[in-house]
Protein backbone atom coordinates (compact mmCIF):
# COMPACT_ATOMS: atom_id res chain seq x y z
CA MET A 1 -1.16 -1.47 -13.25
CA PRO A 2 -4.56 -1.49 -11.48
CA PRO A 3 -5.29 1.13 -8.79
CA SER A 4 -4.49 -1.43 -6.06
CA PHE A 5 -0.83 -1.57 -7.18
CA PRO A 6 0.94 -0.58 -3.94
CA PHE A 7 3.98 1.26 -5.35
CA GLY A 8 4.61 4.35 -7.46
CA GLY A 9 6.68 2.21 -9.77
CA MET A 10 8.54 -1.07 -9.88
CA GLU A 11 11.48 -1.37 -12.22
CA ASN A 12 11.98 -4.58 -14.15
CA PRO A 13 14.57 -4.99 -16.92
CA CYS A 14 13.06 -3.34 -20.03
CA LEU A 15 9.63 -3.17 -18.37
CA THR A 16 8.37 -0.76 -15.73
CA PHE A 17 5.20 -1.27 -13.68
CA VAL A 18 3.64 2.03 -12.53
CA THR A 19 0.61 3.17 -10.59
CA PRO A 20 -2.24 4.76 -12.55
CA CYS A 21 -1.97 7.64 -10.03
CA LEU A 22 0.76 9.01 -12.32
CA LEU A 23 -1.85 9.83 -14.97
CA ALA A 24 -2.43 13.36 -13.71
CA GLY A 25 -3.32 14.75 -17.13
CA ASP A 26 -0.49 17.28 -17.28
CA ARG A 27 2.63 15.04 -17.22
CA SER A 28 3.55 16.67 -13.91
CA LEU A 29 4.50 13.35 -12.26
CA ALA A 30 6.78 12.19 -15.07
CA ASP A 31 9.76 12.34 -12.70
CA VAL A 32 8.61 8.95 -11.39
CA ILE A 33 9.07 7.55 -14.90
CA VAL A 34 12.56 9.09 -15.00
CA HIS A 35 13.23 7.43 -11.63
CA GLU A 36 12.19 3.97 -12.82
CA ILE A 37 14.21 4.29 -16.04
CA CYS A 38 17.26 5.26 -13.94
CA HIS A 39 16.86 1.95 -12.12
CA SER A 40 17.88 0.29 -15.39
CA TRP A 41 21.42 1.22 -14.34
CA PHE A 42 21.22 1.60 -10.56
CA GLY A 43 19.28 -1.42 -9.31
CA ASN A 44 19.04 -3.67 -12.34
CA LEU A 45 22.43 -3.47 -14.08
CA VAL A 46 24.19 -2.92 -10.73
CA THR A 47 22.21 -4.33 -7.82
CA ASN A 48 22.49 -4.15 -4.04
CA ALA A 49 23.75 -7.50 -2.76
CA SER A 50 21.43 -7.40 0.26
CA TRP A 51 18.37 -5.43 1.33
CA GLY A 52 20.49 -3.93 4.10
CA ASP A 53 22.19 -1.86 1.38
CA PHE A 54 18.95 -0.85 -0.34
CA TRP A 55 20.23 2.76 -0.38
CA LEU A 56 22.65 1.74 -3.16
CA ASN A 57 19.65 1.22 -5.41
CA GLU A 58 17.56 4.16 -4.27
CA GLY A 59 20.14 6.79 -3.31
CA PHE A 60 21.98 6.52 -6.61
CA THR A 61 18.69 6.41 -8.52
CA MET A 62 17.32 9.51 -6.77
CA TYR A 63 20.55 11.29 -7.65
CA ALA A 64 20.39 10.17 -11.28
CA GLN A 65 16.70 11.14 -11.50
CA ARG A 66 17.37 14.66 -10.26
CA ARG A 67 20.51 14.97 -12.39
CA ILE A 68 18.42 14.18 -15.49
CA CYS A 69 15.50 16.39 -14.40
CA LYS A 70 17.94 19.28 -13.95
CA GLU A 71 18.75 18.97 -17.66
CA LEU A 72 15.06 18.59 -18.60
CA TYR A 73 13.36 21.13 -16.33
CA GLY A 74 16.15 23.32 -14.98
CA GLU A 75 17.90 23.57 -11.62
CA ALA A 76 15.23 25.69 -9.90
CA TYR A 77 12.35 23.28 -10.47
CA THR A 78 14.49 20.24 -9.66
CA SER A 79 15.61 21.87 -6.41
CA LEU A 80 11.95 22.48 -5.57
CA GLU A 81 11.12 18.80 -6.19
CA ALA A 82 14.08 17.79 -4.00
CA ALA A 83 12.74 20.07 -1.26
CA THR A 84 9.46 18.14 -1.26
CA GLY A 85 11.50 14.93 -0.90
CA ARG A 86 13.36 16.44 2.04
CA ALA A 87 10.01 17.33 3.63
CA LEU A 88 8.94 13.67 3.34
CA LEU A 89 12.17 12.59 5.05
CA ARG A 90 11.52 15.12 7.82
CA GLN A 91 7.97 13.80 8.32
CA HIS A 92 9.24 10.21 8.42
CA MET A 93 11.98 10.96 10.97
CA ASP A 94 9.58 13.00 13.11
CA ASN A 95 7.17 10.04 13.10
CA THR A 96 9.77 7.40 13.96
CA GLY A 97 12.35 9.42 15.91
CA GLU A 98 15.69 10.22 14.32
CA ASP A 99 17.49 7.55 16.34
CA HIS A 100 15.33 4.73 15.00
CA PRO A 101 17.61 1.97 13.61
CA LEU A 102 15.79 2.11 10.26
CA ASN A 103 17.10 5.66 9.86
CA LYS A 104 20.58 4.36 9.08
CA LEU A 105 21.60 3.93 5.46
CA ARG A 106 22.84 0.40 6.20
CA VAL A 107 20.00 -1.43 7.88
CA LYS A 108 20.47 -4.65 9.81
CA ILE A 109 17.65 -6.97 8.80
CA GLU A 110 17.28 -9.81 11.27
CA PRO A 111 16.49 -13.35 10.09
CA GLY A 112 12.76 -13.76 9.57
CA VAL A 113 12.12 -10.02 9.05
CA ASP A 114 10.42 -9.15 5.77
CA PRO A 115 12.52 -6.44 4.03
CA ASP A 116 9.21 -4.84 2.99
CA ASP A 117 8.67 -4.00 6.66
CA THR A 118 11.86 -1.90 6.69
CA TYR A 119 10.78 0.23 3.71
CA ASN A 120 10.79 4.02 4.31
CA GLU A 121 12.09 7.36 2.98
CA THR A 122 15.61 7.02 4.41
CA PRO A 123 17.31 5.00 1.64
CA TYR A 124 15.80 7.37 -0.92
CA GLU A 125 16.36 10.82 0.55
CA LYS A 126 19.25 10.24 2.97
CA GLY A 127 20.80 8.10 0.24
CA PHE A 128 20.36 10.99 -2.20
CA CYS A 129 22.10 13.31 0.28
CA PHE A 130 25.08 10.90 0.61
CA VAL A 131 25.49 10.55 -3.16
CA SER A 132 25.17 14.35 -3.46
CA TYR A 133 27.91 14.66 -0.83
CA LEU A 134 30.15 12.35 -2.88
CA ALA A 135 29.49 14.58 -5.90
CA HIS A 136 30.19 17.70 -3.81
CA LEU A 137 33.59 16.34 -2.74
CA THR A 138 34.70 16.02 -6.37
CA GLY A 139 34.11 19.75 -6.90
CA ASP A 140 33.01 19.32 -10.50
CA GLN A 141 29.77 17.93 -11.97
CA SER A 142 31.42 16.50 -15.10
CA ARG A 143 33.94 14.59 -12.96
CA PHE A 144 31.14 12.98 -10.98
CA ASP A 145 29.10 12.23 -14.12
CA ALA A 146 32.13 10.37 -15.47
CA PHE A 147 32.46 8.48 -12.18
CA LEU A 148 28.82 7.31 -12.34
CA LYS A 149 29.41 5.90 -15.83
CA ALA A 150 32.62 4.20 -14.69
CA TYR A 151 30.87 2.76 -11.61
CA VAL A 152 28.12 1.20 -13.72
CA ASP A 153 30.68 -0.14 -16.21
CA LYS A 154 32.85 -1.59 -13.43
CA PHE A 155 30.04 -3.42 -11.61
CA LYS A 156 27.55 -4.18 -14.43
CA PHE A 157 25.70 -7.48 -14.04
CA ARG A 158 26.93 -7.74 -10.45
CA SER A 159 25.53 -7.39 -6.96
CA VAL A 160 27.49 -5.04 -4.70
CA VAL A 161 27.74 -3.90 -1.10
CA ALA A 162 28.42 -0.34 0.06
CA GLU A 163 32.15 -1.02 0.49
CA ASP A 164 32.45 -1.96 -3.19
CA ALA A 165 30.95 1.37 -4.29
CA LEU A 166 32.88 3.52 -1.80
CA GLU A 167 36.24 1.82 -2.35
CA PHE A 168 35.81 2.26 -6.10
CA TYR A 169 34.96 5.93 -5.52
CA LEU A 170 38.19 6.50 -3.57
CA ASP A 171 40.25 4.59 -6.12
CA TYR A 172 38.66 6.56 -8.97
CA PHE A 173 39.53 9.86 -7.24
CA PRO A 174 43.07 9.30 -5.83
CA ASP A 175 43.32 13.00 -4.91
CA LEU A 176 40.32 12.60 -2.60
CA LYS A 177 41.67 9.34 -1.20
CA GLU A 178 44.96 11.07 -0.39
CA LYS A 179 43.05 13.81 1.45
CA GLU A 180 41.20 11.07 3.38
CA VAL A 181 37.80 12.59 2.63
CA HIS A 182 36.22 9.39 3.94
CA LYS A 183 37.42 10.28 7.45
CA ILE A 184 36.32 13.95 7.73
CA LYS A 185 34.98 14.40 11.26
CA GLY A 186 31.20 14.13 11.40
CA LEU A 187 31.06 13.15 7.73
CA GLU A 188 32.90 9.83 7.87
CA PHE A 189 31.66 7.38 5.25
CA ASP A 190 31.24 4.85 8.06
CA SER A 191 29.01 7.28 9.97
CA TRP A 192 26.89 7.90 6.89
CA LEU A 193 26.27 4.16 6.70
CA ASN A 194 25.91 3.20 10.35
CA VAL A 195 24.62 6.18 12.35
CA SER A 196 20.90 6.89 12.54
CA GLY A 197 19.49 10.34 12.04
CA TRP A 198 19.31 13.38 9.82
CA PRO A 199 21.83 13.54 6.95
CA PRO A 200 25.06 15.29 8.06
CA TYR A 201 25.23 17.01 4.65
CA LEU A 202 22.33 18.54 2.75
CA PRO A 203 22.70 19.49 -0.93
CA ASP A 204 22.19 23.15 -1.76
CA LEU A 205 18.58 23.70 -2.88
CA SER A 206 18.86 27.50 -2.99
CA PRO A 207 18.37 27.57 -6.81
CA GLY A 208 14.74 26.75 -6.03
CA GLN A 209 14.26 29.69 -3.67
CA ASN A 210 12.49 31.82 -6.27
CA LEU A 211 9.82 29.11 -6.42
CA MET A 212 9.87 28.15 -2.71
CA LYS A 213 9.74 31.63 -1.17
CA PRO A 214 6.35 32.68 -2.64
CA ALA A 215 4.87 29.35 -1.47
CA GLN A 216 6.27 29.84 2.05
CA GLN A 217 5.03 33.43 2.22
CA LEU A 218 1.55 32.45 1.08
CA ALA A 219 1.43 29.66 3.67
CA ASP A 220 2.41 32.21 6.33
CA MET A 221 -0.55 34.38 5.28
CA TRP A 222 -2.93 31.45 5.69
CA ALA A 223 -1.51 30.64 9.13
CA ALA A 224 -1.92 34.23 10.40
CA GLN A 225 -4.43 34.83 13.19
CA CYS A 226 -6.18 37.46 11.04
CA LEU A 227 -6.54 36.40 7.42
CA ASP A 228 -5.68 39.15 4.97
CA MET A 229 -7.75 37.95 2.01
CA ALA A 230 -6.87 41.05 -0.02
CA ALA A 231 -3.17 40.11 0.13
CA ILE A 232 -3.94 36.42 -0.46
CA ASN A 233 -5.98 37.28 -3.54
CA THR A 234 -2.99 39.01 -5.13
CA VAL A 235 -1.22 35.61 -5.47
CA ASP A 236 -2.52 33.61 -8.43
CA ILE A 237 -1.33 30.08 -7.75
CA ARG A 238 -3.10 28.72 -10.83
CA GLN A 239 0.03 29.82 -12.68
CA TRP A 240 2.25 27.69 -10.47
CA LYS A 241 3.74 24.40 -11.59
CA THR A 242 2.62 21.29 -9.74
CA TYR A 243 5.60 20.92 -7.39
CA GLN A 244 5.30 24.56 -6.34
CA THR A 245 1.69 23.87 -5.32
CA ILE A 246 2.81 20.67 -3.55
CA TYR A 247 5.45 22.66 -1.68
CA PHE A 248 2.81 25.24 -0.68
CA LEU A 249 0.53 22.50 0.68
CA ASP A 250 3.45 20.92 2.58
CA ASN A 251 4.00 24.31 4.22
CA ILE A 252 0.29 24.58 5.07
CA LEU A 253 0.47 21.12 6.62
CA GLU A 254 3.50 22.13 8.71
CA ARG A 255 1.52 25.10 10.03
CA SER A 256 -1.65 23.11 10.76
CA PRO A 257 -3.93 23.22 12.60
CA LEU A 258 -4.70 26.60 11.06
CA PRO A 259 -6.57 29.36 12.93
CA ARG A 260 -10.33 28.88 13.22
CA GLY A 261 -12.16 29.25 9.91
CA ALA A 262 -9.01 29.29 7.76
CA THR A 263 -9.46 25.77 6.33
CA GLU A 264 -12.96 26.61 5.10
CA LYS A 265 -11.58 29.73 3.39
CA LEU A 266 -8.68 27.71 1.93
CA GLU A 267 -11.16 25.25 0.43
CA GLU A 268 -13.21 28.07 -1.11
CA GLN A 269 -10.13 29.87 -2.44
CA TYR A 270 -8.54 26.95 -4.29
CA PRO A 271 -11.22 24.71 -5.85
CA HIS A 272 -8.67 23.63 -8.48
CA ILE A 273 -6.70 21.92 -5.67
CA VAL A 274 -9.68 20.41 -3.88
CA GLN A 275 -11.12 19.05 -7.14
CA SER A 276 -7.79 18.01 -8.67
CA ASN A 277 -7.19 14.51 -10.03
CA ASN A 278 -3.47 14.84 -9.23
CA ALA A 279 -2.77 12.25 -6.51
CA GLU A 280 0.07 14.28 -4.94
CA LEU A 281 -2.31 17.22 -4.43
CA ARG A 282 -5.14 14.92 -3.27
CA LEU A 283 -2.86 13.33 -0.66
CA ARG A 284 -1.85 16.65 0.82
CA TRP A 285 -5.37 18.04 0.82
CA ALA A 286 -6.55 14.91 2.66
CA GLN A 287 -3.83 15.40 5.28
CA ILE A 288 -4.72 19.09 5.70
CA VAL A 289 -8.42 18.21 6.09
CA LEU A 290 -7.59 15.69 8.82
CA GLN A 291 -5.01 17.81 10.63
CA ASN A 292 -7.58 20.62 10.84
CA GLN A 293 -10.52 18.28 11.58
CA HIS A 294 -12.41 19.87 8.70
CA GLU A 295 -15.41 17.54 8.68
CA PRO A 296 -16.92 18.69 5.34
CA GLY A 297 -13.65 17.54 3.75
CA TYR A 298 -13.91 13.97 5.08
CA GLN A 299 -15.75 13.02 1.89
CA HIS A 300 -12.54 13.89 0.02
CA VAL A 301 -10.59 11.53 2.30
CA ARG A 302 -13.10 8.73 1.64
CA ALA A 303 -13.00 9.28 -2.13
CA PHE A 304 -9.19 9.38 -2.23
CA LEU A 305 -8.75 6.14 -0.27
CA ASP A 306 -11.45 4.47 -2.35
CA SER A 307 -9.77 5.44 -5.63
CA GLN A 308 -6.27 4.00 -5.11
CA GLY A 309 -4.19 1.73 -2.88
CA LYS A 310 -0.69 3.12 -3.25
CA GLN A 311 1.22 2.56 -0.01
CA LYS A 312 2.90 5.99 -0.05
CA TYR A 313 -0.52 7.67 -0.12
CA THR A 314 -2.67 5.26 1.88
CA LEU A 315 -0.58 4.80 5.03
CA PRO A 316 0.02 8.52 5.84
CA VAL A 317 -3.70 9.24 5.52
CA TYR A 318 -4.59 6.39 7.90
CA ARG A 319 -1.89 7.54 10.34
CA ALA A 320 -3.32 11.06 10.24
CA MET A 321 -6.81 9.73 10.96
CA TRP A 322 -5.61 7.51 13.78
CA ASN A 323 -3.55 10.20 15.49
CA THR A 324 -5.91 13.18 15.26
CA SER A 325 -9.08 12.54 17.29
CA GLU A 326 -11.60 9.91 18.32
CA GLY A 327 -13.84 11.10 15.48
CA THR A 328 -11.15 10.55 12.85
CA LYS A 329 -10.31 7.15 14.39
CA ALA A 330 -13.92 6.16 13.79
CA LEU A 331 -13.62 7.48 10.24
CA ALA A 332 -10.51 5.35 9.67
CA THR A 333 -12.27 2.22 10.88
CA GLU A 334 -15.29 2.92 8.70
CA ILE A 335 -13.27 3.59 5.53
CA PHE A 336 -11.03 0.56 6.06
CA SER A 337 -14.07 -1.66 6.58
CA ASN A 338 -15.47 -0.50 3.23
CA THR A 339 -12.27 -0.54 1.17
CA SER A 340 -9.89 -3.14 2.64
CA HIS A 341 -10.90 -5.74 0.03
CA GLN A 342 -9.46 -3.44 -2.66
CA LEU A 343 -6.01 -3.20 -1.09
CA HIS A 344 -2.89 -5.24 -1.79
CA ILE A 345 -2.39 -7.71 1.06
CA ASN A 346 0.77 -5.93 2.32
CA VAL A 347 -0.93 -2.54 2.44
CA ARG A 348 -3.98 -4.09 4.11
CA ASN A 349 -1.75 -5.56 6.83
CA TYR A 350 0.13 -2.27 7.36
CA VAL A 351 -3.18 -0.40 7.76
CA ARG A 352 -4.33 -3.01 10.29
CA LYS A 353 -1.16 -2.37 12.32
CA ILE A 354 -1.92 1.38 12.30
CA LEU A 355 -5.50 0.77 13.44
CA THR A 356 -4.42 -1.41 16.36
């Protein structure tokens, strides 16, 4: 699709629309393609009956995506990718407050409300955590794989609500039904659906620790009051895979604003990040630039927002500009004035809301 296409991908039966931002040159963002193909089963063949149960589409699809990627890329790398998803959920809940009603899996959409306006990370990442919890309860991956196939076969060509899926789950696993796993205190299925906030169960991402730990340690070095460039220079991140670099930048963002002068050094040290065409890296560098009010980097922010109109990238950058300083507010107004005509009407309206 053209650069103004507002989504990463949009599944249609036998035809997927995707953003050109996926063309990173190294196939590093192919997990989005896996995601959209998984929607052939979870979303197209079996569909949520209402937008209030959108998590049925996205939670099951996120699980299927990561289940497939585990076979393709290994458990460590898939755990690392899931950690970046968890970081996005954390950012979203920090921005909205955990108790926000949109941070339930089952969302009540009032008459006249556009379901697009309820779109956020919760049905994806909290939904993934719930489906992972259902898999965890079975105690065996092959048992849960078989359940997913049976679920799709049972409800194919139908629209379902959460109760349909969860009742079928309990009927499929009578041993779990007998143990009343749906009523475990604090993990009740009803609470998963109807209580706002952070997921009460988080899948184990420790297989990714060998990839995450070096990224965390390097971020700690950059956040230190006295930069130890000799130690930093011993870590060659050019050898890292894309999601390890993304995870590193997420950790830098968490620690921002960095001590005085560190952002300039960071920019000098990693030109392959600053000059990258990978949209996931460009997004995070733009956020780091803004969080640290690194004015020489504002040209990067302008170029990134001028090059694409994907909602997931555009809105966080405008929020960062609007919430940082009067100078970055002025920058936001200037960039929007120059680029708004390129944006999809929905994204344009969401940016306007941020700027007012």
